[in-house]
Amino acid sequence: MPRSKPKSLSTKKAPVQVRAIDFVMYNAKDVRKTRAFYQEIFGFKRGHEWNDCWTEFDTEPITFCLNGPAKYHDPAWDWIGTPVHCPRRR
């Protein structure tokens, strides 16, 4: 017997309507090895790179990004929870 969707999910409108996804990030312990894997297996072409902890691939229409641990700690990147410019729903 096939399962039916719960009524609350089938009738409730999402608070944010998503039309498309443009950016996907994958966290990796070793960005260099992971980048080499994706290039070798899928033939991905490098996009923007900022350092050994951030690289993007040209995978249009979506940008695929690898993010890894930085070699130094920058407190400006520390944050917890929702950014200030995004209002919380109550």
C-alpha atoms as a PDB file:
ATOM      1  CA  MET A   1       0.000   0.000   0.000  1.00  0.00           C
ATOM      2  CA  PRO A   2       1.605   3.349  -1.027  1.00  0.00           C
ATOM      3  CA  ARG A   3       2.169   5.909   1.677  1.00  0.00           C
ATOM      4  CA  SER A   4       0.396   9.228   1.391  1.00  0.00           C
ATOM      5  CA  LYS A   5       1.875  12.575   2.391  1.00  0.00           C
ATOM      6  CA  PRO A   6       0.860  13.926   5.772  1.00  0.00           C
ATOM      7  CA  LYS A   7      -1.878  16.547   5.332  1.00  0.00           C
ATOM      8  CA  SER A   8       0.190  19.201   7.111  1.00  0.00           C
ATOM      9  CA  LEU A   9       2.927  18.926   4.456  1.00  0.00           C
ATOM     10  CA  SER A  10       0.655  18.764   1.426  1.00  0.00           C
ATOM     11  CA  THR A  11      -1.437  21.827   2.309  1.00  0.00           C
ATOM     12  CA  LYS A  12       1.072  24.061   4.085  1.00  0.00           C
ATOM     13  CA  LYS A  13       2.867  26.717   2.025  1.00  0.00           C
ATOM     14  CA  ALA A  14       6.611  27.026   2.665  1.00  0.00           C
ATOM     15  CA  PRO A  15       7.716  30.352   4.234  1.00  0.00           C
ATOM     16  CA  VAL A  16      10.401  30.747   1.529  1.00  0.00           C
ATOM     17  CA  GLN A  17       9.609  29.765  -2.033  1.00  0.00           C
ATOM     18  CA  VAL A  18      12.703  28.286  -3.706  1.00  0.00           C
ATOM     19  CA  ARG A  19      12.943  28.751  -7.463  1.00  0.00           C
ATOM     20  CA  ALA A  20      16.467  27.396  -7.973  1.00  0.00           C
ATOM     21  CA  ILE A  21      19.699  26.469  -6.214  1.00  0.00           C
ATOM     22  CA  ASP A  22      22.797  28.287  -7.422  1.00  0.00           C
ATOM     23  CA  PHE A  23      25.504  27.290  -4.962  1.00  0.00           C
ATOM     24  CA  VAL A  24      26.419  23.990  -3.270  1.00  0.00           C
ATOM     25  CA  MET A  25      29.245  23.722  -0.726  1.00  0.00           C
ATOM     26  CA  TYR A  26      30.958  20.530   0.448  1.00  0.00           C
ATOM     27  CA  ASN A  27      33.172  20.615   3.539  1.00  0.00           C
ATOM     28  CA  ALA A  28      36.348  18.573   3.174  1.00  0.00           C
ATOM     29  CA  LYS A  29      39.210  17.867   5.573  1.00  0.00           C
ATOM     30  CA  ASP A  30      41.759  17.957   2.730  1.00  0.00           C
ATOM     31  CA  VAL A  31      40.673  20.335  -0.038  1.00  0.00           C
ATOM     32  CA  ARG A  32      43.628  19.510  -2.317  1.00  0.00           C
ATOM     33  CA  LYS A  33      42.923  15.760  -2.338  1.00  0.00           C
ATOM     34  CA  THR A  34      39.175  16.272  -2.656  1.00  0.00           C
ATOM     35  CA  ARG A  35      39.665  18.770  -5.511  1.00  0.00           C
ATOM     36  CA  ALA A  36      41.910  16.280  -7.328  1.00  0.00           C
ATOM     37  CA  PHE A  37      39.282  13.551  -6.865  1.00  0.00           C
ATOM     38  CA  TYR A  38      36.489  15.634  -8.419  1.00  0.00           C
ATOM     39  CA  GLN A  39      38.733  16.746 -11.267  1.00  0.00           C
ATOM     40  CA  GLU A  40      39.876  13.203 -12.044  1.00  0.00           C
ATOM     41  CA  ILE A  41      36.534  11.403 -11.665  1.00  0.00           C
ATOM     42  CA  PHE A  42      34.156  14.026 -13.122  1.00  0.00           C
ATOM     43  CA  GLY A  43      36.499  16.229 -15.167  1.00  0.00           C
ATOM     44  CA  PHE A  44      35.442  19.370 -13.277  1.00  0.00           C
ATOM     45  CA  LYS A  45      37.234  22.557 -14.329  1.00  0.00           C
ATOM     46  CA  ARG A  46      38.581  24.866 -11.642  1.00  0.00           C
ATOM     47  CA  GLY A  47      36.730  28.096 -11.023  1.00  0.00           C
ATOM     48  CA  HIS A  48      37.651  30.712  -8.419  1.00  0.00           C
ATOM     49  CA  GLU A  49      40.164  29.872  -5.701  1.00  0.00           C
ATOM     50  CA  TRP A  50      41.185  31.965  -2.760  1.00  0.00           C
ATOM     51  CA  ASN A  51      43.555  29.672  -0.879  1.00  0.00           C
ATOM     52  CA  ASP A  52      44.036  26.024   0.086  1.00  0.00           C
ATOM     53  CA  CYS A  53      40.769  26.016   2.033  1.00  0.00           C
ATOM     54  CA  TRP A  54      38.368  27.314  -0.667  1.00  0.00           C
ATOM     55  CA  THR A  55      37.918  26.281  -4.280  1.00  0.00           C
ATOM     56  CA  GLU A  56      35.038  26.434  -6.746  1.00  0.00           C
ATOM     57  CA  PHE A  57      34.295  24.456  -9.896  1.00  0.00           C
ATOM     58  CA  ASP A  58      32.639  25.720 -13.065  1.00  0.00           C
ATOM     59  CA  THR A  59      29.633  23.374 -13.035  1.00  0.00           C
ATOM     60  CA  GLU A  60      26.972  25.604 -14.570  1.00  0.00           C
ATOM     61  CA  PRO A  61      24.233  26.293 -13.803  1.00  0.00           C
ATOM     62  CA  ILE A  62      25.309  25.511 -10.204  1.00  0.00           C
ATOM     63  CA  THR A  63      28.596  26.523  -8.576  1.00  0.00           C
ATOM     64  CA  PHE A  64      30.102  23.616  -6.640  1.00  0.00           C
ATOM     65  CA  CYS A  65      32.476  24.681  -3.870  1.00  0.00           C
ATOM     66  CA  LEU A  66      34.901  22.838  -1.602  1.00  0.00           C
ATOM     67  CA  ASN A  67      35.556  24.371   1.799  1.00  0.00           C
ATOM     68  CA  GLY A  68      38.157  23.109   4.255  1.00  0.00           C
ATOM     69  CA  PRO A  69      39.959  24.076   7.435  1.00  0.00           C
ATOM     70  CA  ALA A  70      42.034  27.243   7.266  1.00  0.00           C
ATOM     71  CA  LYS A  71      45.719  27.216   8.194  1.00  0.00           C
ATOM     72  CA  TYR A  72      45.182  30.231  10.430  1.00  0.00           C
ATOM     73  CA  HIS A  73      42.272  31.373  12.582  1.00  0.00           C
ATOM     74  CA  ASP A  74      40.533  34.648  11.749  1.00  0.00           C
ATOM     75  CA  PRO A  75      38.040  35.671  14.484  1.00  0.00           C
ATOM     76  CA  ALA A  76      36.096  37.704  11.909  1.00  0.00           C
ATOM     77  CA  TRP A  77      34.820  34.385  10.503  1.00  0.00           C
ATOM     78  CA  ASP A  78      33.452  33.190  13.870  1.00  0.00           C
ATOM     79  CA  TRP A  79      29.683  33.410  14.197  1.00  0.00           C
ATOM     80  CA  ILE A  80      26.904  31.445  15.802  1.00  0.00           C
ATOM     81  CA  GLY A  81      23.300  31.332  14.678  1.00  0.00           C
ATOM     82  CA  THR A  82      21.495  33.566  12.249  1.00  0.00           C
ATOM     83  CA  PRO A  83      23.470  36.498  10.760  1.00  0.00           C
ATOM     84  CA  VAL A  84      22.341  39.921  12.011  1.00  0.00           C
ATOM     85  CA  HIS A  85      20.956  41.010   8.628  1.00  0.00           C
ATOM     86  CA  CYS A  86      18.531  38.030   8.468  1.00  0.00           C
ATOM     87  CA  PRO A  87      15.469  38.632  10.649  1.00  0.00           C
ATOM     88  CA  ARG A  88      14.244  35.665  12.657  1.00  0.00           C
ATOM     89  CA  ARG A  89      10.712  34.356  12.148  1.00  0.00           C
ATOM     90  CA  ARG A  90       8.683  34.180  15.333  1.00  0.00           C
END
